[in-house]
Amino acid sequence: CEQLRSDLHRAAETISTLKVSAAEQEEKERLRWEQEARRFEEEESSLLAASKLDLENKMSHLRESLEGQIRSLECELVEERKLSVDQQHELQQRLEEATARLTMMETEMSALRSKKEAKAAKQIQASEKAAAKAVALLDKKEEELQQLQQVIADM
């Protein structure tokens, strides 16, 4: 009986030791899982932070690149506008010069035409005067001829 009690007591101690051991083992396992979970969360957080930083860097580089392209395009646009304005001014100036030359040529042509018309009118007037003189001279000669014929006829 004593032996049984002693065995029972040892069995109870063994059970108690096993319970404590199991509880300790369970606590160790729980701590290990918690530690593993923290390590996983830290790694995940670290990876997320690294990914976020990498993404931010890429976005920053992309933004800088696009801003550079925008500045370049804006400069090109300013240059194109300036060139367009310069060309427009040059073409406007050429048009004004051509219009001025055309007006001057029209004025010169009009003056030349007026001069030629005046010269032609003077020549016509001179020709008419000369023709009138010639007709008057012919009339005079014809009269003289008639007088001579009368004189001859009277003789």
C-alpha atoms as a PDB file:
ATOM      1  CA  CYS A   1       0.000   0.000   0.000  1.00  0.00           C
ATOM      2  CA  GLU A   2       2.780   2.268   0.951  1.00  0.00           C
ATOM      3  CA  GLN A   3       4.432   1.326  -2.198  1.00  0.00           C
ATOM      4  CA  LEU A   4       1.305   2.190  -4.076  1.00  0.00           C
ATOM      5  CA  ARG A   5       1.057   5.479  -2.332  1.00  0.00           C
ATOM      6  CA  SER A   6       4.631   6.179  -3.086  1.00  0.00           C
ATOM      7  CA  ASP A   7       4.100   5.196  -6.728  1.00  0.00           C
ATOM      8  CA  LEU A   8       0.934   7.250  -6.830  1.00  0.00           C
ATOM      9  CA  HIS A   9       2.761  10.171  -5.296  1.00  0.00           C
ATOM     10  CA  ARG A  10       5.589   9.819  -7.790  1.00  0.00           C
ATOM     11  CA  ALA A  11       3.064   9.449 -10.568  1.00  0.00           C
ATOM     12  CA  ALA A  12       1.327  12.619  -9.339  1.00  0.00           C
ATOM     13  CA  GLU A  13       4.674  14.398  -9.193  1.00  0.00           C
ATOM     14  CA  THR A  14       5.554  13.069 -12.607  1.00  0.00           C
ATOM     15  CA  ILE A  15       2.161  14.238 -13.892  1.00  0.00           C
ATOM     16  CA  SER A  16       2.691  17.560 -12.205  1.00  0.00           C
ATOM     17  CA  THR A  17       6.213  17.746 -13.623  1.00  0.00           C
ATOM     18  CA  LEU A  18       4.891  16.728 -17.021  1.00  0.00           C
ATOM     19  CA  LYS A  19       2.125  19.364 -16.764  1.00  0.00           C
ATOM     20  CA  VAL A  20       4.692  21.996 -15.804  1.00  0.00           C
ATOM     21  CA  SER A  21       7.004  20.724 -18.521  1.00  0.00           C
ATOM     22  CA  ALA A  22       4.143  20.704 -21.032  1.00  0.00           C
ATOM     23  CA  ALA A  23       3.111  24.195 -19.901  1.00  0.00           C
ATOM     24  CA  GLU A  24       6.703  25.392 -20.201  1.00  0.00           C
ATOM     25  CA  GLN A  25       6.999  23.683 -23.582  1.00  0.00           C
ATOM     26  CA  GLU A  26       3.688  25.248 -24.654  1.00  0.00           C
ATOM     27  CA  GLU A  27       4.867  28.662 -23.394  1.00  0.00           C
ATOM     28  CA  LYS A  28       8.199  28.229 -25.224  1.00  0.00           C
ATOM     29  CA  GLU A  29       6.309  27.228 -28.381  1.00  0.00           C
ATOM     30  CA  ARG A  30       3.933  30.219 -27.998  1.00  0.00           C
ATOM     31  CA  LEU A  31       6.907  32.565 -27.440  1.00  0.00           C
ATOM     32  CA  ARG A  32       8.672  31.043 -30.434  1.00  0.00           C
ATOM     33  CA  TRP A  33       5.538  31.571 -32.588  1.00  0.00           C
ATOM     34  CA  GLU A  34       5.165  35.128 -31.314  1.00  0.00           C
ATOM     35  CA  GLN A  35       8.839  35.777 -31.982  1.00  0.00           C
ATOM     36  CA  GLU A  36       8.486  34.225 -35.448  1.00  0.00           C
ATOM     37  CA  ALA A  37       5.380  36.350 -36.074  1.00  0.00           C
ATOM     38  CA  ARG A  38       7.242  39.510 -34.945  1.00  0.00           C
ATOM     39  CA  ARG A  39      10.217  38.577 -37.102  1.00  0.00           C
ATOM     40  CA  PHE A  40       7.849  38.003 -40.066  1.00  0.00           C
ATOM     41  CA  GLU A  41       6.069  41.316 -39.377  1.00  0.00           C
ATOM     42  CA  GLU A  42       9.437  43.082 -39.095  1.00  0.00           C
ATOM     43  CA  GLU A  43      10.655  41.523 -42.352  1.00  0.00           C
ATOM     44  CA  GLU A  44       7.348  42.350 -44.019  1.00  0.00           C
ATOM     45  CA  SER A  45       7.515  45.895 -42.640  1.00  0.00           C
ATOM     46  CA  SER A  46      11.137  46.170 -43.764  1.00  0.00           C
ATOM     47  CA  LEU A  47      10.251  44.873 -47.237  1.00  0.00           C
ATOM     48  CA  LEU A  48       7.269  47.232 -47.428  1.00  0.00           C
ATOM     49  CA  ALA A  49       9.458  50.137 -46.315  1.00  0.00           C
ATOM     50  CA  ALA A  50      12.125  49.178 -48.868  1.00  0.00           C
ATOM     51  CA  SER A  51       9.477  48.797 -51.583  1.00  0.00           C
ATOM     52  CA  LYS A  52       7.914  52.110 -50.579  1.00  0.00           C
ATOM     53  CA  LEU A  53      11.317  53.817 -50.617  1.00  0.00           C
ATOM     54  CA  ASP A  54      12.144  52.218 -53.983  1.00  0.00           C
ATOM     55  CA  LEU A  55       8.772  53.284 -55.368  1.00  0.00           C
ATOM     56  CA  GLU A  56       9.229  56.810 -53.992  1.00  0.00           C
ATOM     57  CA  ASN A  57      12.700  56.972 -55.581  1.00  0.00           C
ATOM     58  CA  LYS A  58      11.333  55.754 -58.904  1.00  0.00           C
ATOM     59  CA  MET A  59       8.451  58.247 -58.689  1.00  0.00           C
ATOM     60  CA  SER A  60      10.916  61.019 -57.838  1.00  0.00           C
ATOM     61  CA  HIS A  61      13.144  60.091 -60.795  1.00  0.00           C
ATOM     62  CA  LEU A  62      10.110  59.849 -63.065  1.00  0.00           C
ATOM     63  CA  ARG A  63       8.814  63.218 -61.816  1.00  0.00           C
ATOM     64  CA  GLU A  64      12.239  64.812 -62.347  1.00  0.00           C
ATOM     65  CA  SER A  65      12.482  63.271 -65.812  1.00  0.00           C
ATOM     66  CA  LEU A  66       8.990  64.445 -66.769  1.00  0.00           C
ATOM     67  CA  GLU A  67       9.624  67.904 -65.328  1.00  0.00           C
ATOM     68  CA  GLY A  68      12.834  68.062 -67.393  1.00  0.00           C
ATOM     69  CA  GLN A  69      10.926  67.029 -70.507  1.00  0.00           C
ATOM     70  CA  ILE A  70       8.235  69.612 -69.753  1.00  0.00           C
ATOM     71  CA  ARG A  71      10.854  72.344 -69.289  1.00  0.00           C
ATOM     72  CA  SER A  72      12.538  71.270 -72.523  1.00  0.00           C
ATOM     73  CA  LEU A  73       9.224  71.305 -74.397  1.00  0.00           C
ATOM     74  CA  GLU A  74       8.330  74.686 -72.893  1.00  0.00           C
ATOM     75  CA  CYS A  75      11.699  76.066 -74.061  1.00  0.00           C
ATOM     76  CA  GLU A  76      11.102  74.625 -77.538  1.00  0.00           C
ATOM     77  CA  LEU A  77       7.627  76.149 -77.555  1.00  0.00           C
ATOM     78  CA  VAL A  78       9.007  79.555 -76.543  1.00  0.00           C
ATOM     79  CA  GLU A  79      11.641  79.305 -79.286  1.00  0.00           C
ATOM     80  CA  GLU A  80       9.042  78.217 -81.859  1.00  0.00           C
ATOM     81  CA  ARG A  81       6.762  81.100 -80.861  1.00  0.00           C
ATOM     82  CA  LYS A  82       9.669  83.553 -81.082  1.00  0.00           C
ATOM     83  CA  LEU A  83      10.660  82.160 -84.470  1.00  0.00           C
ATOM     84  CA  SER A  84       7.049  82.336 -85.632  1.00  0.00           C
ATOM     85  CA  VAL A  85       6.729  85.958 -84.481  1.00  0.00           C
ATOM     86  CA  ASP A  86      10.053  86.829 -86.147  1.00  0.00           C
ATOM     87  CA  GLN A  87       8.932  85.177 -89.388  1.00  0.00           C
ATOM     88  CA  GLN A  88       5.582  86.946 -89.198  1.00  0.00           C
ATOM     89  CA  HIS A  89       7.342  90.302 -88.718  1.00  0.00           C
ATOM     90  CA  GLU A  90       9.721  89.549 -91.606  1.00  0.00           C
ATOM     91  CA  LEU A  91       6.850  88.554 -93.896  1.00  0.00           C
ATOM     92  CA  GLN A  92       4.866  91.640 -92.837  1.00  0.00           C
ATOM     93  CA  GLN A  93       7.900  93.819 -93.600  1.00  0.00           C
ATOM     94  CA  ARG A  94       8.366  92.149 -97.001  1.00  0.00           C
ATOM     95  CA  LEU A  95       4.686  92.678 -97.768  1.00  0.00           C
ATOM     96  CA  GLU A  96       4.921  96.343 -96.808  1.00  0.00           C
ATOM     97  CA  GLU A  97       8.080  96.783 -98.920  1.00  0.00           C
ATOM     98  CA  ALA A  98       6.480  95.035-101.909  1.00  0.00           C
ATOM     99  CA  THR A  99       3.325  97.142-101.499  1.00  0.00           C
ATOM    100  CA  ALA A 100       5.448 100.316-101.327  1.00  0.00           C
ATOM    101  CA  ARG A 101       7.384  99.288-104.468  1.00  0.00           C
ATOM    102  CA  LEU A 102       4.128  98.473-106.260  1.00  0.00           C
ATOM    103  CA  THR A 103       2.641 101.836-105.279  1.00  0.00           C
ATOM    104  CA  MET A 104       5.828 103.609-106.389  1.00  0.00           C
ATOM    105  CA  MET A 105       5.837 101.716-109.703  1.00  0.00           C
ATOM    106  CA  GLU A 106       2.143 102.507-110.244  1.00  0.00           C
ATOM    107  CA  THR A 107       2.861 106.186-109.519  1.00  0.00           C
ATOM    108  CA  GLU A 108       5.849 106.151-111.886  1.00  0.00           C
ATOM    109  CA  MET A 109       3.812 104.367-114.563  1.00  0.00           C
ATOM    110  CA  SER A 110       0.981 106.863-114.145  1.00  0.00           C
ATOM    111  CA  ALA A 111       3.426 109.790-114.355  1.00  0.00           C
ATOM    112  CA  LEU A 112       5.120 108.238-117.401  1.00  0.00           C
ATOM    113  CA  ARG A 113       1.744 107.593-119.041  1.00  0.00           C
ATOM    114  CA  SER A 114       0.679 111.182-118.331  1.00  0.00           C
ATOM    115  CA  LYS A 115       3.996 112.420-119.736  1.00  0.00           C
ATOM    116  CA  LYS A 116       3.652 110.288-122.866  1.00  0.00           C
ATOM    117  CA  GLU A 117       0.009 111.358-123.283  1.00  0.00           C
ATOM    118  CA  ALA A 118       1.066 115.010-122.897  1.00  0.00           C
ATOM    119  CA  LYS A 119       3.911 114.476-125.392  1.00  0.00           C
ATOM    120  CA  ALA A 120       1.563 112.720-127.804  1.00  0.00           C
ATOM    121  CA  ALA A 121      -0.977 115.536-127.375  1.00  0.00           C
ATOM    122  CA  LYS A 122       1.751 118.108-128.098  1.00  0.00           C
ATOM    123  CA  GLN A 123       2.872 116.100-131.144  1.00  0.00           C
ATOM    124  CA  ILE A 124      -0.739 115.858-132.359  1.00  0.00           C
ATOM    125  CA  GLN A 125      -1.200 119.576-131.746  1.00  0.00           C
ATOM    126  CA  ALA A 126       2.074 120.311-133.555  1.00  0.00           C
ATOM    127  CA  SER A 127       1.023 118.001-136.391  1.00  0.00           C
ATOM    128  CA  GLU A 128      -2.384 119.663-136.584  1.00  0.00           C
ATOM    129  CA  LYS A 129      -0.725 123.105-136.579  1.00  0.00           C
ATOM    130  CA  ALA A 130       1.700 121.961-139.285  1.00  0.00           C
ATOM    131  CA  ALA A 131      -1.195 120.458-141.259  1.00  0.00           C
ATOM    132  CA  ALA A 132      -3.146 123.706-140.851  1.00  0.00           C
ATOM    133  CA  LYS A 133      -0.107 125.673-142.064  1.00  0.00           C
ATOM    134  CA  ALA A 134       0.277 123.282-144.958  1.00  0.00           C
ATOM    135  CA  VAL A 135      -3.435 123.637-145.831  1.00  0.00           C
ATOM    136  CA  ALA A 136      -3.141 127.414-145.513  1.00  0.00           C
ATOM    137  CA  LEU A 137      -0.026 127.372-147.699  1.00  0.00           C
ATOM    138  CA  LEU A 138      -1.799 125.121-150.184  1.00  0.00           C
ATOM    139  CA  ASP A 139      -4.801 127.451-150.164  1.00  0.00           C
ATOM    140  CA  LYS A 140      -2.458 130.368-150.738  1.00  0.00           C
ATOM    141  CA  LYS A 141      -0.664 128.532-153.533  1.00  0.00           C
ATOM    142  CA  GLU A 142      -3.991 127.511-155.060  1.00  0.00           C
ATOM    143  CA  GLU A 143      -5.143 131.109-154.920  1.00  0.00           C
ATOM    144  CA  GLU A 144      -1.920 132.209-156.530  1.00  0.00           C
ATOM    145  CA  LEU A 145      -2.376 129.503-159.132  1.00  0.00           C
ATOM    146  CA  GLN A 146      -5.906 130.674-159.823  1.00  0.00           C
ATOM    147  CA  GLN A 147      -4.661 134.240-160.085  1.00  0.00           C
ATOM    148  CA  LEU A 148      -1.965 133.120-162.518  1.00  0.00           C
ATOM    149  CA  GLN A 149      -4.540 131.158-164.497  1.00  0.00           C
ATOM    150  CA  GLN A 150      -6.744 134.263-164.557  1.00  0.00           C
ATOM    151  CA  VAL A 151      -3.832 136.343-165.691  1.00  0.00           C
ATOM    152  CA  ILE A 152      -3.085 133.782-168.396  1.00  0.00           C
ATOM    153  CA  ALA A 153      -6.699 133.592-169.358  1.00  0.00           C
ATOM    154  CA  ASP A 154      -6.919 137.397-169.515  1.00  0.00           C
ATOM    155  CA  MET A 155      -4.022 137.557-171.863  1.00  0.00           C
END
